[in-house]
C-alpha atoms as a PDB file:
ATOM      1  CA  MET A   1       0.000   0.000   0.000  1.00  0.00           C
ATOM      2  CA  ALA A   2       2.813   2.436   0.788  1.00  0.00           C
ATOM      3  CA  GLY A   3       4.083   2.063  -2.770  1.00  0.00           C
ATOM      4  CA  GLU A   4       0.759   3.363  -4.085  1.00  0.00           C
ATOM      5  CA  LEU A   5       1.525   6.730  -2.536  1.00  0.00           C
ATOM      6  CA  LEU A   6       4.871   7.193  -4.275  1.00  0.00           C
ATOM      7  CA  CYS A   7       5.507   8.561  -7.741  1.00  0.00           C
ATOM      8  CA  GLU A   8       6.623   5.981 -10.242  1.00  0.00           C
ATOM      9  CA  VAL A   9       8.968   8.460 -11.905  1.00  0.00           C
ATOM     10  CA  GLU A  10      12.422   9.359 -10.602  1.00  0.00           C
ATOM     11  CA  GLU A  11      12.643  12.946 -11.780  1.00  0.00           C
ATOM     12  CA  ALA A  12      10.888  16.039 -10.401  1.00  0.00           C
ATOM     13  CA  ASP A  13       9.292  18.678 -12.631  1.00  0.00           C
ATOM     14  CA  LYS A  14      12.037  21.321 -12.588  1.00  0.00           C
ATOM     15  CA  GLU A  15       9.713  24.178 -13.564  1.00  0.00           C
ATOM     16  CA  LYS A  16       7.307  23.316 -10.761  1.00  0.00           C
ATOM     17  CA  VAL A  17      10.188  22.990  -8.293  1.00  0.00           C
ATOM     18  CA  ASN A  18      11.416  26.462  -9.270  1.00  0.00           C
ATOM     19  CA  ARG A  19       7.904  27.926  -8.818  1.00  0.00           C
ATOM     20  CA  ILE A  20       7.649  26.327  -5.377  1.00  0.00           C
ATOM     21  CA  LYS A  21      11.063  27.676  -4.368  1.00  0.00           C
ATOM     22  CA  LYS A  22      10.067  31.201  -5.445  1.00  0.00           C
ATOM     23  CA  VAL A  23       7.050  31.266  -3.130  1.00  0.00           C
ATOM     24  CA  ALA A  24       8.687  29.424  -0.219  1.00  0.00           C
ATOM     25  CA  LYS A  25       8.809  31.222   3.123  1.00  0.00           C
ATOM     26  CA  SER A  26      11.890  31.575   5.313  1.00  0.00           C
ATOM     27  CA  GLU A  27      12.964  28.892   7.786  1.00  0.00           C
ATOM     28  CA  ALA A  28      12.436  31.358  10.648  1.00  0.00           C
ATOM     29  CA  LEU A  29       8.860  32.052   9.575  1.00  0.00           C
ATOM     30  CA  MET A  30       8.052  28.352   9.204  1.00  0.00           C
ATOM     31  CA  THR A  31       9.601  27.624  12.595  1.00  0.00           C
ATOM     32  CA  ARG A  32       7.436  30.312  14.179  1.00  0.00           C
ATOM     33  CA  MET A  33       4.342  28.965  12.444  1.00  0.00           C
ATOM     34  CA  ALA A  34       5.131  25.434  13.630  1.00  0.00           C
ATOM     35  CA  GLU A  35       5.542  26.737  17.198  1.00  0.00           C
ATOM     36  CA  THR A  36       2.148  28.434  16.940  1.00  0.00           C
ATOM     37  CA  PHE A  37       0.439  25.271  15.750  1.00  0.00           C
ATOM     38  CA  LYS A  38       2.275  23.241  18.387  1.00  0.00           C
ATOM     39  CA  ALA A  39       0.881  25.570  21.068  1.00  0.00           C
ATOM     40  CA  LEU A  40      -2.592  25.156  19.592  1.00  0.00           C
ATOM     41  CA  GLY A  41      -2.075  21.378  19.660  1.00  0.00           C
ATOM     42  CA  ASP A  42      -3.009  21.433  23.349  1.00  0.00           C
ATOM     43  CA  LYS A  43      -6.733  21.023  24.074  1.00  0.00           C
ATOM     44  CA  THR A  44      -6.704  23.396  27.068  1.00  0.00           C
ATOM     45  CA  ARG A  45      -4.947  26.128  25.111  1.00  0.00           C
ATOM     46  CA  CYS A  46      -7.478  25.687  22.285  1.00  0.00           C
ATOM     47  CA  LYS A  47     -10.274  26.123  24.821  1.00  0.00           C
ATOM     48  CA  ILE A  48      -8.626  29.264  26.193  1.00  0.00           C
ATOM     49  CA  ILE A  49      -8.189  30.717  22.707  1.00  0.00           C
ATOM     50  CA  TYR A  50     -11.819  29.944  21.902  1.00  0.00           C
ATOM     51  CA  VAL A  51     -13.051  31.600  25.119  1.00  0.00           C
ATOM     52  CA  LEU A  52     -10.955  34.661  24.360  1.00  0.00           C
ATOM     53  CA  SER A  53     -12.278  34.788  20.808  1.00  0.00           C
ATOM     54  CA  LYS A  54     -15.692  35.437  22.348  1.00  0.00           C
ATOM     55  CA  GLU A  55     -14.760  37.961  25.060  1.00  0.00           C
ATOM     56  CA  GLU A  56     -12.005  39.404  27.160  1.00  0.00           C
ATOM     57  CA  SER A  57     -11.613  37.399  30.371  1.00  0.00           C
ATOM     58  CA  CYS A  58      -9.521  37.416  33.508  1.00  0.00           C
ATOM     59  CA  VAL A  59      -7.455  34.444  34.619  1.00  0.00           C
ATOM     60  CA  CYS A  60      -9.937  33.604  37.396  1.00  0.00           C
ATOM     61  CA  ASP A  61     -12.889  33.506  34.977  1.00  0.00           C
ATOM     62  CA  ILE A  62     -10.991  31.374  32.448  1.00  0.00           C
ATOM     63  CA  ALA A  63      -9.878  28.927  35.137  1.00  0.00           C
ATOM     64  CA  GLU A  64     -13.347  28.495  36.610  1.00  0.00           C
ATOM     65  CA  ALA A  65     -15.088  28.236  33.229  1.00  0.00           C
ATOM     66  CA  LEU A  66     -12.672  25.528  32.086  1.00  0.00           C
ATOM     67  CA  GLY A  67     -12.496  23.693  35.411  1.00  0.00           C
ATOM     68  CA  ILE A  68      -8.758  24.218  35.881  1.00  0.00           C
ATOM     69  CA  THR A  69      -6.712  25.979  38.527  1.00  0.00           C
ATOM     70  CA  LYS A  70      -5.577  29.583  38.171  1.00  0.00           C
ATOM     71  CA  PHE A  71      -2.003  28.276  38.167  1.00  0.00           C
ATOM     72  CA  VAL A  72      -2.687  25.959  35.203  1.00  0.00           C
ATOM     73  CA  ALA A  73      -4.553  28.708  33.340  1.00  0.00           C
ATOM     74  CA  SER A  74      -1.673  31.103  33.967  1.00  0.00           C
ATOM     75  CA  GLN A  75       0.883  28.600  32.662  1.00  0.00           C
ATOM     76  CA  HIS A  76      -1.078  28.105  29.443  1.00  0.00           C
ATOM     77  CA  LEU A  77      -1.634  31.844  29.053  1.00  0.00           C
ATOM     78  CA  ARG A  78       2.108  32.440  29.468  1.00  0.00           C
ATOM     79  CA  ILE A  79       2.821  30.106  26.544  1.00  0.00           C
ATOM     80  CA  LEU A  80       0.167  31.803  24.423  1.00  0.00           C
ATOM     81  CA  ARG A  81       1.446  35.254  25.407  1.00  0.00           C
ATOM     82  CA  ASN A  82       5.054  34.350  24.526  1.00  0.00           C
ATOM     83  CA  LEU A  83       3.894  33.387  21.034  1.00  0.00           C
ATOM     84  CA  ARG A  84       1.892  36.637  20.746  1.00  0.00           C
ATOM     85  CA  LEU A  85      -1.385  34.760  20.487  1.00  0.00           C
ATOM     86  CA  VAL A  86      -2.862  36.597  23.487  1.00  0.00           C
ATOM     87  CA  LYS A  87      -2.183  39.889  25.208  1.00  0.00           C
ATOM     88  CA  TYR A  88      -3.145  41.182  28.624  1.00  0.00           C
ATOM     89  CA  ARG A  89      -3.925  44.290  30.598  1.00  0.00           C
ATOM     90  CA  LYS A  90      -3.903  44.689  34.326  1.00  0.00           C
ATOM     91  CA  VAL A  91      -6.776  46.434  36.110  1.00  0.00           C
ATOM     92  CA  GLY A  92      -6.212  46.650  39.834  1.00  0.00           C
ATOM     93  CA  LYS A  93      -5.618  43.100  41.051  1.00  0.00           C
ATOM     94  CA  ARG A  94      -7.083  41.465  37.944  1.00  0.00           C
ATOM     95  CA  VAL A  95      -5.319  40.506  34.721  1.00  0.00           C
ATOM     96  CA  PHE A  96      -7.558  40.486  31.638  1.00  0.00           C
ATOM     97  CA  TYR A  97      -6.640  38.604  28.487  1.00  0.00           C
ATOM     98  CA  THR A  98      -7.720  39.062  24.882  1.00  0.00           C
ATOM     99  CA  LEU A  99      -6.525  37.606  21.626  1.00  0.00           C
ATOM    100  CA  ASP A 100      -3.521  39.446  20.268  1.00  0.00           C
ATOM    101  CA  ASP A 101      -5.202  40.177  16.948  1.00  0.00           C
ATOM    102  CA  GLU A 102      -7.998  39.174  14.594  1.00  0.00           C
ATOM    103  CA  HIS A 103      -5.787  36.634  12.797  1.00  0.00           C
ATOM    104  CA  ILE A 104      -5.893  34.364  15.831  1.00  0.00           C
ATOM    105  CA  SER A 105      -9.672  34.557  16.001  1.00  0.00           C
ATOM    106  CA  ASN A 106      -9.904  33.749  12.291  1.00  0.00           C
ATOM    107  CA  LEU A 107      -7.517  30.825  12.702  1.00  0.00           C
ATOM    108  CA  ILE A 108      -9.516  29.264  15.536  1.00  0.00           C
ATOM    109  CA  GLU A 109     -12.858  29.839  13.773  1.00  0.00           C
ATOM    110  CA  GLU A 110     -11.562  28.209  10.582  1.00  0.00           C
ATOM    111  CA  GLY A 111     -10.262  25.277  12.625  1.00  0.00           C
ATOM    112  CA  ILE A 112     -13.645  24.835  14.288  1.00  0.00           C
ATOM    113  CA  ARG A 113     -15.475  24.997  10.953  1.00  0.00           C
ATOM    114  CA  HIS A 114     -13.100  22.413   9.505  1.00  0.00           C
ATOM    115  CA  VAL A 115     -13.611  19.983  12.385  1.00  0.00           C
ATOM    116  CA  GLU A 116     -17.386  20.530  12.580  1.00  0.00           C
ATOM    117  CA  GLU A 117     -17.716  19.366   8.966  1.00  0.00           C
ATOM    118  CA  ASP A 118     -16.685  15.875  10.112  1.00  0.00           C
ATOM    119  CA  ILE A 119     -18.953  15.705  13.163  1.00  0.00           C
END
């Protein structure tokens, strides 16, 4: 069966290869994208991103809504913040999180639509 998935020719289409190389993105960009998708590969972080796509929330609200501790929520939010997927603002003793930009919201919504097609 594995053989069915391989080309039966030995030579690549050089014109196509050149077109692909012209549109290829940098290694640094692809590494960053892979890190982003790796972070989103965690179910809890996906839940947090989804919650934040609906409304700004503080760590306490996120933790209680998801049934996790504030410590766990904070650890996940730190990872998301380091990748610039979420941002925060402090108001008094509370820390409120939102998505960093609309791209993240679009990404999560597209992911949900893709998965819902199979359910």
